[in-house]
Amino acid sequence: MDLEQFWNLVEQARGRATDATDAEDVAGQATALLAAHEPQQIIDAQQILWDLMAASYQAPLWAAAYLINGGCSDDGFDYFRGWLITQGRTVFEQVIADADQLADLPVVRAVAAEGIDLENEQTLSIAWDAYKAATGDELPGDAFTIDYPALDPAWSFDFEDDSKIAARLPRIAALYLG
């Protein structure tokens, strides 16, 4: 499995989901689709997933997640990025290029009014669960590596500082800070 195939799998899962914005349903569909692949492809998908997690490990995105979810721990940021992956390749790439583009997503606009968190832990276990379903075994412990980049020091400030967030993420701030 390569990156293109992984994103095709996510799009298929989105198409099979009752609601393509329901991250849990998309992750469940992706798990079922992935379980039909050869074990090595599932292992390859695990590495791709964590490469995407590393690519999205960015301070501006963390700040946006903090604002959207009313706080965001390390684990919470993982789950937020899991949610982001279920939104598909186009959204993922747009948002990691500019976190403020989250404000353009209908699902983000809808949850802003309702105060719902955007996160999905289940995405992080797509390959793990698919491998177990396909083989009956646990995914090998050395199935992936992850090397998070250093966060941009220019974003090293308290994400509760609304004025700094608003200056850097004005559209998200407009939705969440009013």
C-alpha atoms as a PDB file:
ATOM      1  CA  MET A   1       0.000   0.000   0.000  1.00  0.00           C
ATOM      2  CA  ASP A   2       1.200   3.478  -0.831  1.00  0.00           C
ATOM      3  CA  LEU A   3      -0.045   6.940   0.091  1.00  0.00           C
ATOM      4  CA  GLU A   4      -2.385   7.163  -2.900  1.00  0.00           C
ATOM      5  CA  GLN A   5      -3.958   3.805  -2.047  1.00  0.00           C
ATOM      6  CA  PHE A   6      -4.325   4.828   1.586  1.00  0.00           C
ATOM      7  CA  TRP A   7      -6.198   7.999   0.644  1.00  0.00           C
ATOM      8  CA  ASN A   8      -8.350   6.007  -1.800  1.00  0.00           C
ATOM      9  CA  LEU A   9      -9.217   3.696   1.090  1.00  0.00           C
ATOM     10  CA  VAL A  10     -10.243   6.695   3.210  1.00  0.00           C
ATOM     11  CA  GLU A  11     -12.405   8.009   0.364  1.00  0.00           C
ATOM     12  CA  GLN A  12     -14.051   4.601  -0.063  1.00  0.00           C
ATOM     13  CA  ALA A  13     -14.719   4.524   3.670  1.00  0.00           C
ATOM     14  CA  ARG A  14     -16.237   8.005   3.500  1.00  0.00           C
ATOM     15  CA  GLY A  15     -18.467   6.802   0.668  1.00  0.00           C
ATOM     16  CA  ARG A  16     -19.624   3.794   2.687  1.00  0.00           C
ATOM     17  CA  ALA A  17     -20.269   5.780   5.854  1.00  0.00           C
ATOM     18  CA  THR A  18     -23.820   6.839   6.615  1.00  0.00           C
ATOM     19  CA  ASP A  19     -22.466  10.360   7.147  1.00  0.00           C
ATOM     20  CA  ALA A  20     -19.035  11.176   5.676  1.00  0.00           C
ATOM     21  CA  THR A  21     -18.422  13.690   8.473  1.00  0.00           C
ATOM     22  CA  ASP A  22     -18.923  10.982  11.136  1.00  0.00           C
ATOM     23  CA  ALA A  23     -15.284  10.192  11.900  1.00  0.00           C
ATOM     24  CA  GLU A  24     -16.085   7.057  13.914  1.00  0.00           C
ATOM     25  CA  ASP A  25     -18.148   5.592  11.085  1.00  0.00           C
ATOM     26  CA  VAL A  26     -15.463   6.474   8.523  1.00  0.00           C
ATOM     27  CA  ALA A  27     -12.763   4.882  10.683  1.00  0.00           C
ATOM     28  CA  GLY A  28     -14.879   1.765  11.142  1.00  0.00           C
ATOM     29  CA  GLN A  29     -15.476   1.516   7.403  1.00  0.00           C
ATOM     30  CA  ALA A  30     -11.772   2.064   6.721  1.00  0.00           C
ATOM     31  CA  THR A  31     -10.904  -0.725   9.149  1.00  0.00           C
ATOM     32  CA  ALA A  32     -13.278  -3.133   7.404  1.00  0.00           C
ATOM     33  CA  LEU A  33     -11.948  -2.207   3.968  1.00  0.00           C
ATOM     34  CA  LEU A  34      -8.329  -2.484   5.078  1.00  0.00           C
ATOM     35  CA  ALA A  35      -8.926  -5.883   6.699  1.00  0.00           C
ATOM     36  CA  ALA A  36      -9.608  -7.273   3.208  1.00  0.00           C
ATOM     37  CA  HIS A  37      -6.003  -6.488   2.171  1.00  0.00           C
ATOM     38  CA  GLU A  38      -2.918  -8.638   2.515  1.00  0.00           C
ATOM     39  CA  PRO A  39      -1.216  -8.396   5.929  1.00  0.00           C
ATOM     40  CA  GLN A  40       1.809  -6.573   4.516  1.00  0.00           C
ATOM     41  CA  GLN A  41      -0.454  -3.936   2.982  1.00  0.00           C
ATOM     42  CA  ILE A  42      -2.085  -3.438   6.367  1.00  0.00           C
ATOM     43  CA  ILE A  43       1.349  -3.011   7.944  1.00  0.00           C
ATOM     44  CA  ASP A  44       2.224  -0.515   5.199  1.00  0.00           C
ATOM     45  CA  ALA A  45      -0.997   1.373   5.957  1.00  0.00           C
ATOM     46  CA  GLN A  46       0.047   1.659   9.603  1.00  0.00           C
ATOM     47  CA  GLN A  47       3.259   3.433   8.589  1.00  0.00           C
ATOM     48  CA  ILE A  48       1.376   5.732   6.212  1.00  0.00           C
ATOM     49  CA  LEU A  49      -1.087   6.628   8.957  1.00  0.00           C
ATOM     50  CA  TRP A  50       1.734   7.610  11.302  1.00  0.00           C
ATOM     51  CA  ASP A  51       3.533   9.499   8.547  1.00  0.00           C
ATOM     52  CA  LEU A  52       0.336  11.558   8.181  1.00  0.00           C
ATOM     53  CA  MET A  53       0.219  12.040  11.935  1.00  0.00           C
ATOM     54  CA  ALA A  54       3.797  13.351  11.820  1.00  0.00           C
ATOM     55  CA  ALA A  55       3.054  15.615   8.839  1.00  0.00           C
ATOM     56  CA  SER A  56       0.145  17.161  10.736  1.00  0.00           C
ATOM     57  CA  TYR A  57       2.116  17.641  13.967  1.00  0.00           C
ATOM     58  CA  GLN A  58       2.163  21.415  13.650  1.00  0.00           C
ATOM     59  CA  ALA A  59       1.750  24.163  16.223  1.00  0.00           C
ATOM     60  CA  PRO A  60      -0.808  26.170  14.182  1.00  0.00           C
ATOM     61  CA  LEU A  61      -2.993  23.077  13.863  1.00  0.00           C
ATOM     62  CA  TRP A  62      -2.607  22.367  17.571  1.00  0.00           C
ATOM     63  CA  ALA A  63      -3.658  25.936  18.365  1.00  0.00           C
ATOM     64  CA  ALA A  64      -6.718  25.542  16.135  1.00  0.00           C
ATOM     65  CA  ALA A  65      -7.578  22.221  17.798  1.00  0.00           C
ATOM     66  CA  TYR A  66      -7.168  23.878  21.197  1.00  0.00           C
ATOM     67  CA  LEU A  67      -9.651  26.560  20.255  1.00  0.00           C
ATOM     68  CA  ILE A  68     -12.124  24.210  18.540  1.00  0.00           C
ATOM     69  CA  ASN A  69     -12.122  21.629  21.325  1.00  0.00           C
ATOM     70  CA  GLY A  70     -11.907  24.032  24.245  1.00  0.00           C
ATOM     71  CA  GLY A  71      -8.450  22.747  25.163  1.00  0.00           C
ATOM     72  CA  CYS A  72      -6.211  20.105  23.658  1.00  0.00           C
ATOM     73  CA  SER A  73      -3.799  17.778  25.455  1.00  0.00           C
ATOM     74  CA  ASP A  74      -1.152  15.701  23.656  1.00  0.00           C
ATOM     75  CA  ASP A  75      -3.609  12.820  23.308  1.00  0.00           C
ATOM     76  CA  GLY A  76      -6.376  15.212  22.353  1.00  0.00           C
ATOM     77  CA  PHE A  77      -4.209  16.545  19.536  1.00  0.00           C
ATOM     78  CA  ASP A  78      -3.626  12.979  18.303  1.00  0.00           C
ATOM     79  CA  TYR A  79      -7.384  12.387  18.301  1.00  0.00           C
ATOM     80  CA  PHE A  80      -8.028  15.702  16.547  1.00  0.00           C
ATOM     81  CA  ARG A  81      -5.580  14.718  13.795  1.00  0.00           C
ATOM     82  CA  GLY A  82      -7.299  11.319  13.639  1.00  0.00           C
ATOM     83  CA  TRP A  83     -10.537  13.181  12.975  1.00  0.00           C
ATOM     84  CA  LEU A  84      -8.779  15.281  10.332  1.00  0.00           C
ATOM     85  CA  ILE A  85      -7.545  12.206   8.447  1.00  0.00           C
ATOM     86  CA  THR A  86     -11.128  10.907   8.192  1.00  0.00           C
ATOM     87  CA  GLN A  87     -12.111  14.120   6.440  1.00  0.00           C
ATOM     88  CA  GLY A  88     -10.144  12.993   3.382  1.00  0.00           C
ATOM     89  CA  ARG A  89      -7.032  13.967   1.524  1.00  0.00           C
ATOM     90  CA  THR A  90      -8.153  17.311   0.120  1.00  0.00           C
ATOM     91  CA  VAL A  91      -9.258  18.644   3.495  1.00  0.00           C
ATOM     92  CA  PHE A  92      -6.202  17.185   5.231  1.00  0.00           C
ATOM     93  CA  GLU A  93      -3.761  18.780   2.804  1.00  0.00           C
ATOM     94  CA  GLN A  94      -5.536  22.143   2.830  1.00  0.00           C
ATOM     95  CA  VAL A  95      -5.627  22.279   6.606  1.00  0.00           C
ATOM     96  CA  ILE A  96      -2.022  21.277   7.197  1.00  0.00           C
ATOM     97  CA  ALA A  97      -1.041  23.966   4.682  1.00  0.00           C
ATOM     98  CA  ASP A  98      -3.155  26.555   6.547  1.00  0.00           C
ATOM     99  CA  ALA A  99      -4.879  25.590   9.794  1.00  0.00           C
ATOM    100  CA  ASP A 100      -7.192  28.606   9.545  1.00  0.00           C
ATOM    101  CA  GLN A 101      -8.886  26.896   6.584  1.00  0.00           C
ATOM    102  CA  LEU A 102     -10.675  24.735   9.153  1.00  0.00           C
ATOM    103  CA  ALA A 103     -13.081  27.671   9.431  1.00  0.00           C
ATOM    104  CA  ASP A 104     -14.254  26.968   5.880  1.00  0.00           C
ATOM    105  CA  LEU A 105     -15.403  23.418   6.635  1.00  0.00           C
ATOM    106  CA  PRO A 106     -19.169  23.051   7.119  1.00  0.00           C
ATOM    107  CA  VAL A 107     -18.633  20.483   9.883  1.00  0.00           C
ATOM    108  CA  VAL A 108     -16.410  22.900  11.812  1.00  0.00           C
ATOM    109  CA  ARG A 109     -18.922  25.696  11.387  1.00  0.00           C
ATOM    110  CA  ALA A 110     -21.723  23.418  12.585  1.00  0.00           C
ATOM    111  CA  VAL A 111     -19.913  22.183  15.686  1.00  0.00           C
ATOM    112  CA  ALA A 112     -18.815  25.708  16.584  1.00  0.00           C
ATOM    113  CA  ALA A 113     -22.428  26.554  17.269  1.00  0.00           C
ATOM    114  CA  GLU A 114     -23.000  23.328  19.222  1.00  0.00           C
ATOM    115  CA  GLY A 115     -19.749  23.167  21.179  1.00  0.00           C
ATOM    116  CA  ILE A 116     -18.919  19.634  20.006  1.00  0.00           C
ATOM    117  CA  ASP A 117     -15.317  18.418  20.039  1.00  0.00           C
ATOM    118  CA  LEU A 118     -13.728  17.223  16.821  1.00  0.00           C
ATOM    119  CA  GLU A 119     -11.675  14.154  17.585  1.00  0.00           C
ATOM    120  CA  ASN A 120     -11.511  10.474  16.776  1.00  0.00           C
ATOM    121  CA  GLU A 121      -9.239   8.073  18.599  1.00  0.00           C
ATOM    122  CA  GLN A 122     -10.492   5.149  16.497  1.00  0.00           C
ATOM    123  CA  THR A 123      -8.648   6.437  13.420  1.00  0.00           C
ATOM    124  CA  LEU A 124      -5.346   5.743  15.162  1.00  0.00           C
ATOM    125  CA  SER A 125      -6.179   2.033  15.378  1.00  0.00           C
ATOM    126  CA  ILE A 126      -7.457   1.443  11.828  1.00  0.00           C
ATOM    127  CA  ALA A 127      -4.476  -0.716  10.832  1.00  0.00           C
ATOM    128  CA  TRP A 128      -4.204  -2.342  14.259  1.00  0.00           C
ATOM    129  CA  ASP A 129      -7.848  -3.454  14.174  1.00  0.00           C
ATOM    130  CA  ALA A 130      -7.701  -4.436  10.489  1.00  0.00           C
ATOM    131  CA  TYR A 131      -4.623  -6.586  11.062  1.00  0.00           C
ATOM    132  CA  LYS A 132      -6.282  -8.326  14.004  1.00  0.00           C
ATOM    133  CA  ALA A 133      -9.434  -8.949  11.929  1.00  0.00           C
ATOM    134  CA  ALA A 134      -7.453 -10.224   8.929  1.00  0.00           C
ATOM    135  CA  THR A 135      -4.915 -12.422  10.714  1.00  0.00           C
ATOM    136  CA  GLY A 136      -6.172 -13.036  14.232  1.00  0.00           C
ATOM    137  CA  ASP A 137      -2.811 -11.723  15.446  1.00  0.00           C
ATOM    138  CA  GLU A 138      -1.655  -8.449  16.923  1.00  0.00           C
ATOM    139  CA  LEU A 139       0.043  -6.002  14.577  1.00  0.00           C
ATOM    140  CA  PRO A 140       3.813  -6.448  14.970  1.00  0.00           C
ATOM    141  CA  GLY A 141       5.227  -4.012  17.501  1.00  0.00           C
ATOM    142  CA  ASP A 142       7.798  -2.764  15.013  1.00  0.00           C
ATOM    143  CA  ALA A 143       5.202  -2.130  12.299  1.00  0.00           C
ATOM    144  CA  PHE A 144       5.823   1.614  12.214  1.00  0.00           C
ATOM    145  CA  THR A 145       8.092   4.392  13.287  1.00  0.00           C
ATOM    146  CA  ILE A 146       7.155   7.942  14.023  1.00  0.00           C
ATOM    147  CA  ASP A 147       9.411  10.937  14.100  1.00  0.00           C
ATOM    148  CA  TYR A 148       7.559  14.073  15.056  1.00  0.00           C
ATOM    149  CA  PRO A 149       9.132  17.303  13.839  1.00  0.00           C
ATOM    150  CA  ALA A 150       9.953  20.068  16.274  1.00  0.00           C
ATOM    151  CA  LEU A 151       7.106  22.508  16.767  1.00  0.00           C
ATOM    152  CA  ASP A 152       7.569  26.028  15.446  1.00  0.00           C
ATOM    153  CA  PRO A 153       8.964  28.080  18.359  1.00  0.00           C
ATOM    154  CA  ALA A 154       7.125  31.151  17.057  1.00  0.00           C
ATOM    155  CA  TRP A 155       3.957  29.414  18.279  1.00  0.00           C
ATOM    156  CA  SER A 156       5.344  28.745  21.738  1.00  0.00           C
ATOM    157  CA  PHE A 157       2.765  30.684  23.711  1.00  0.00           C
ATOM    158  CA  ASP A 158      -0.236  29.889  25.853  1.00  0.00           C
ATOM    159  CA  PHE A 159      -3.048  28.864  23.500  1.00  0.00           C
ATOM    160  CA  GLU A 160      -5.481  30.422  25.972  1.00  0.00           C
ATOM    161  CA  ASP A 161      -4.179  33.833  24.883  1.00  0.00           C
ATOM    162  CA  ASP A 162      -7.151  34.730  22.694  1.00  0.00           C
ATOM    163  CA  SER A 163      -5.486  37.814  21.196  1.00  0.00           C
ATOM    164  CA  LYS A 164      -2.508  35.800  19.930  1.00  0.00           C
ATOM    165  CA  ILE A 165      -4.756  33.079  18.544  1.00  0.00           C
ATOM    166  CA  ALA A 166      -7.011  35.648  16.867  1.00  0.00           C
ATOM    167  CA  ALA A 167      -4.007  37.351  15.256  1.00  0.00           C
ATOM    168  CA  ARG A 168      -2.722  34.063  13.812  1.00  0.00           C
ATOM    169  CA  LEU A 169      -5.964  32.171  13.139  1.00  0.00           C
ATOM    170  CA  PRO A 170      -8.502  34.939  12.543  1.00  0.00           C
ATOM    171  CA  ARG A 171     -11.227  32.871  10.854  1.00  0.00           C
ATOM    172  CA  ILE A 172     -11.205  30.103  13.476  1.00  0.00           C
ATOM    173  CA  ALA A 173     -11.107  32.744  16.192  1.00  0.00           C
ATOM    174  CA  ALA A 174     -14.113  34.492  14.659  1.00  0.00           C
ATOM    175  CA  LEU A 175     -16.091  31.236  14.912  1.00  0.00           C
ATOM    176  CA  TYR A 176     -15.037  30.339  18.427  1.00  0.00           C
ATOM    177  CA  LEU A 177     -14.255  33.600  20.150  1.00  0.00           C
ATOM    178  CA  GLY A 178     -17.091  35.555  18.592  1.00  0.00           C
END
